[in-house]
C-alpha cells in the first residue's frame, strides 16, 4: 500500500476517523517522476533508478531527457487502526483489506494478528475489534 493513501483513507465503520498505520514490513525501491504528465516506474530490483529506454515519451514523441525522481513508500505488511472504534484492518502483500465486519475472515485476521503480535502493543492487541487475541 502506498503510504500516500493514508491521506484519504477513513474508517469504513464510522466513516469519519482517519486510519493510523502500524508498519511491519515495507519497501521503498520504486521511483516515479514528479514533473509533468510523464509516468515511469523504475524496476524495483534496479537500485540505480529507471532504465531510460523504459521511460514513456511526451506527446511529441521526444524521449524524456531528465526527470526528478521521488521515492514511493510502500507498506508490504502492516495494520491500519481506527482509534475511535478500535477496529483494525490488515495490510497483506501491499493490499489493505478494509472490509465491514460481516465480510471479514476471522481465521485470517487472527492468523495475521498472531503473526505480528510481537509488533503490536499488548493493550491494543487485547482491545481490537471486531475480534482480538
C-alpha atoms as a PDB file:
ATOM      1  CA  UNK A   1       0.000   0.000   0.000  1.00  0.00           C
ATOM      2  CA  UNK A   2       1.330   3.382  -0.895  1.00  0.00           C
ATOM      3  CA  UNK A   3       1.657   5.481   2.280  1.00  0.00           C
ATOM      4  CA  UNK A   4       0.032   8.408   0.482  1.00  0.00           C
ATOM      5  CA  UNK A   5      -3.287   6.548   0.755  1.00  0.00           C
ATOM      6  CA  UNK A   6      -3.301   7.410   4.468  1.00  0.00           C
ATOM      7  CA  UNK A   7      -4.247  10.956   3.483  1.00  0.00           C
ATOM      8  CA  UNK A   8      -7.614   9.779   2.121  1.00  0.00           C
ATOM      9  CA  UNK A   9      -8.467   6.559   3.973  1.00  0.00           C
ATOM     10  CA  UNK A  10     -11.064   6.687   6.726  1.00  0.00           C
ATOM     11  CA  UNK A  11     -12.632   4.031   8.910  1.00  0.00           C
ATOM     12  CA  UNK A  12     -15.437   2.315   6.981  1.00  0.00           C
ATOM     13  CA  UNK A  13     -17.301   1.713  10.237  1.00  0.00           C
ATOM     14  CA  UNK A  14     -17.619   5.309  11.451  1.00  0.00           C
ATOM     15  CA  UNK A  15     -16.776   6.913   8.059  1.00  0.00           C
ATOM     16  CA  UNK A  16     -15.013   9.860   9.710  1.00  0.00           C
ATOM     17  CA  UNK A  17     -11.877   8.871  11.558  1.00  0.00           C
ATOM     18  CA  UNK A  18      -8.550   8.764   9.744  1.00  0.00           C
ATOM     19  CA  UNK A  19      -6.762   5.463   9.980  1.00  0.00           C
ATOM     20  CA  UNK A  20      -3.403   5.179  11.704  1.00  0.00           C
ATOM     21  CA  UNK A  21      -0.650   2.936  10.400  1.00  0.00           C
ATOM     22  CA  UNK A  22       1.388   0.344  12.241  1.00  0.00           C
ATOM     23  CA  UNK A  23       4.026  -0.662   9.715  1.00  0.00           C
ATOM     24  CA  UNK A  24       5.575  -4.115   9.999  1.00  0.00           C
ATOM     25  CA  UNK A  25       7.326  -4.580   6.653  1.00  0.00           C
ATOM     26  CA  UNK A  26       7.977  -2.051   3.919  1.00  0.00           C
ATOM     27  CA  UNK A  27       9.745  -1.449   0.638  1.00  0.00           C
ATOM     28  CA  UNK A  28      10.732   1.819  -0.964  1.00  0.00           C
ATOM     29  CA  UNK A  29      12.569   0.860  -4.134  1.00  0.00           C
ATOM     30  CA  UNK A  30      10.019   2.213  -6.618  1.00  0.00           C
ATOM     31  CA  UNK A  31      10.553   5.659  -8.069  1.00  0.00           C
ATOM     32  CA  UNK A  32       8.265   7.935 -10.062  1.00  0.00           C
ATOM     33  CA  UNK A  33       8.831  11.209 -11.918  1.00  0.00           C
ATOM     34  CA  UNK A  34       7.399  14.235 -10.140  1.00  0.00           C
ATOM     35  CA  UNK A  35       7.191  16.594 -13.119  1.00  0.00           C
ATOM     36  CA  UNK A  36       4.680  16.807 -15.969  1.00  0.00           C
ATOM     37  CA  UNK A  37       2.305  14.108 -17.197  1.00  0.00           C
ATOM     38  CA  UNK A  38       5.015  11.519 -17.702  1.00  0.00           C
ATOM     39  CA  UNK A  39       4.738   8.371 -15.636  1.00  0.00           C
ATOM     40  CA  UNK A  40       7.631   5.987 -15.239  1.00  0.00           C
ATOM     41  CA  UNK A  41       8.396   3.434 -12.610  1.00  0.00           C
ATOM     42  CA  UNK A  42      11.823   2.026 -12.077  1.00  0.00           C
ATOM     43  CA  UNK A  43      12.435  -1.649 -11.904  1.00  0.00           C
ATOM     44  CA  UNK A  44      12.263  -2.383  -8.169  1.00  0.00           C
ATOM     45  CA  UNK A  45      15.235  -4.723  -8.472  1.00  0.00           C
ATOM     46  CA  UNK A  46      17.388  -1.954 -10.001  1.00  0.00           C
ATOM     47  CA  UNK A  47      18.573   0.364  -7.208  1.00  0.00           C
ATOM     48  CA  UNK A  48      20.261   2.762  -9.667  1.00  0.00           C
ATOM     49  CA  UNK A  49      16.935   4.032 -10.989  1.00  0.00           C
ATOM     50  CA  UNK A  50      14.862   3.677 -14.143  1.00  0.00           C
ATOM     51  CA  UNK A  51      16.268   2.446 -17.413  1.00  0.00           C
ATOM     52  CA  UNK A  52      15.959   5.388 -19.863  1.00  0.00           C
ATOM     53  CA  UNK A  53      14.569   3.052 -22.517  1.00  0.00           C
ATOM     54  CA  UNK A  54      11.564   2.283 -20.275  1.00  0.00           C
ATOM     55  CA  UNK A  55      10.554   5.896 -19.734  1.00  0.00           C
ATOM     56  CA  UNK A  56       7.402   6.999 -21.500  1.00  0.00           C
ATOM     57  CA  UNK A  57       7.506   9.615 -24.220  1.00  0.00           C
ATOM     58  CA  UNK A  58       5.895  13.046 -24.306  1.00  0.00           C
ATOM     59  CA  UNK A  59       3.142  13.926 -26.773  1.00  0.00           C
ATOM     60  CA  UNK A  60       5.693  14.932 -29.436  1.00  0.00           C
ATOM     61  CA  UNK A  61       7.486  11.549 -29.077  1.00  0.00           C
ATOM     62  CA  UNK A  62      10.676  13.094 -27.696  1.00  0.00           C
ATOM     63  CA  UNK A  63      12.158  10.872 -25.008  1.00  0.00           C
ATOM     64  CA  UNK A  64      12.101  12.280 -21.528  1.00  0.00           C
ATOM     65  CA  UNK A  65      15.506  13.802 -21.042  1.00  0.00           C
ATOM     66  CA  UNK A  66      15.810  14.204 -17.291  1.00  0.00           C
ATOM     67  CA  UNK A  67      13.312  13.535 -14.557  1.00  0.00           C
ATOM     68  CA  UNK A  68      13.434  14.294 -10.898  1.00  0.00           C
ATOM     69  CA  UNK A  69      12.505  11.059  -9.183  1.00  0.00           C
ATOM     70  CA  UNK A  70      10.626  10.799  -5.914  1.00  0.00           C
ATOM     71  CA  UNK A  71      10.732   7.777  -3.631  1.00  0.00           C
ATOM     72  CA  UNK A  72       7.430   5.935  -3.102  1.00  0.00           C
ATOM     73  CA  UNK A  73       6.985   4.422   0.328  1.00  0.00           C
ATOM     74  CA  UNK A  74       5.202   1.072   0.100  1.00  0.00           C
ATOM     75  CA  UNK A  75       3.874  -0.860   3.081  1.00  0.00           C
ATOM     76  CA  UNK A  76       4.028  -4.589   2.378  1.00  0.00           C
ATOM     77  CA  UNK A  77       2.659  -5.750   5.751  1.00  0.00           C
ATOM     78  CA  UNK A  78       1.003  -3.618   8.382  1.00  0.00           C
ATOM     79  CA  UNK A  79      -2.097  -2.722  10.274  1.00  0.00           C
ATOM     80  CA  UNK A  80      -4.495   0.171   9.799  1.00  0.00           C
ATOM     81  CA  UNK A  81      -6.182   1.220  13.021  1.00  0.00           C
ATOM     82  CA  UNK A  82      -9.203   3.370  13.819  1.00  0.00           C
ATOM     83  CA  UNK A  83      -8.525   4.956  17.213  1.00  0.00           C
ATOM     84  CA  UNK A  84     -12.219   5.815  17.654  1.00  0.00           C
ATOM     85  CA  UNK A  85     -13.810   2.375  17.293  1.00  0.00           C
ATOM     86  CA  UNK A  86     -10.619   0.264  17.792  1.00  0.00           C
ATOM     87  CA  UNK A  87     -11.155  -1.649  14.555  1.00  0.00           C
ATOM     88  CA  UNK A  88      -8.108  -2.903  12.709  1.00  0.00           C
ATOM     89  CA  UNK A  89      -7.594  -3.594   9.026  1.00  0.00           C
ATOM     90  CA  UNK A  90      -4.610  -5.710   7.931  1.00  0.00           C
ATOM     91  CA  UNK A  91      -2.305  -4.833   5.065  1.00  0.00           C
ATOM     92  CA  UNK A  92      -1.221  -8.079   3.389  1.00  0.00           C
ATOM     93  CA  UNK A  93       1.036  -8.271   0.324  1.00  0.00           C
ATOM     94  CA  UNK A  94       0.729  -4.465  -0.095  1.00  0.00           C
ATOM     95  CA  UNK A  95      -3.096  -4.659  -0.128  1.00  0.00           C
ATOM     96  CA  UNK A  96      -5.127  -3.020   2.641  1.00  0.00           C
ATOM     97  CA  UNK A  97      -8.051  -5.299   3.490  1.00  0.00           C
ATOM     98  CA  UNK A  98     -10.721  -2.831   4.514  1.00  0.00           C
ATOM     99  CA  UNK A  99     -13.976  -4.731   4.815  1.00  0.00           C
ATOM    100  CA  UNK A 100     -17.058  -4.425   7.025  1.00  0.00           C
ATOM    101  CA  UNK A 101     -17.192  -6.844   9.967  1.00  0.00           C
ATOM    102  CA  UNK A 102     -19.682  -9.225   8.352  1.00  0.00           C
ATOM    103  CA  UNK A 103     -17.412  -9.790   5.318  1.00  0.00           C
ATOM    104  CA  UNK A 104     -14.179 -10.330   7.219  1.00  0.00           C
ATOM    105  CA  UNK A 105     -12.460 -13.696   7.534  1.00  0.00           C
ATOM    106  CA  UNK A 106     -11.970 -14.197  11.268  1.00  0.00           C
ATOM    107  CA  UNK A 107      -9.478 -17.039  10.834  1.00  0.00           C
ATOM    108  CA  UNK A 108      -7.224 -14.986   8.524  1.00  0.00           C
ATOM    109  CA  UNK A 109      -7.468 -11.895  10.751  1.00  0.00           C
ATOM    110  CA  UNK A 110      -6.486 -13.894  13.851  1.00  0.00           C
ATOM    111  CA  UNK A 111      -3.600 -15.521  11.955  1.00  0.00           C
ATOM    112  CA  UNK A 112      -2.433 -12.054  10.896  1.00  0.00           C
ATOM    113  CA  UNK A 113      -2.598 -10.755  14.481  1.00  0.00           C
ATOM    114  CA  UNK A 114      -0.708 -13.798  15.780  1.00  0.00           C
ATOM    115  CA  UNK A 115       1.969 -13.396  13.112  1.00  0.00           C
ATOM    116  CA  UNK A 116       2.651  -9.792  14.128  1.00  0.00           C
ATOM    117  CA  UNK A 117       1.714  -9.859  17.833  1.00  0.00           C
ATOM    118  CA  UNK A 118       5.290  -9.009  18.862  1.00  0.00           C
ATOM    119  CA  UNK A 119       4.981  -5.712  16.952  1.00  0.00           C
ATOM    120  CA  UNK A 120       1.511  -4.734  18.206  1.00  0.00           C
ATOM    121  CA  UNK A 121       1.255  -3.071  21.641  1.00  0.00           C
ATOM    122  CA  UNK A 122      -0.311  -5.504  24.165  1.00  0.00           C
ATOM    123  CA  UNK A 123      -3.002  -3.046  25.321  1.00  0.00           C
ATOM    124  CA  UNK A 124      -4.033  -2.572  21.707  1.00  0.00           C
ATOM    125  CA  UNK A 125      -3.903  -6.269  20.874  1.00  0.00           C
ATOM    126  CA  UNK A 126      -6.402  -7.175  23.587  1.00  0.00           C
ATOM    127  CA  UNK A 127      -8.925  -4.467  22.634  1.00  0.00           C
ATOM    128  CA  UNK A 128      -9.064  -4.672  18.853  1.00  0.00           C
ATOM    129  CA  UNK A 129     -12.375  -5.099  17.068  1.00  0.00           C
ATOM    130  CA  UNK A 130     -14.104  -6.990  15.538  1.00  0.00           C
ATOM    131  CA  UNK A 131     -12.012  -9.600  17.394  1.00  0.00           C
ATOM    132  CA  UNK A 132      -8.855  -9.644  19.412  1.00  0.00           C
ATOM    133  CA  UNK A 133      -6.386 -12.282  20.529  1.00  0.00           C
END
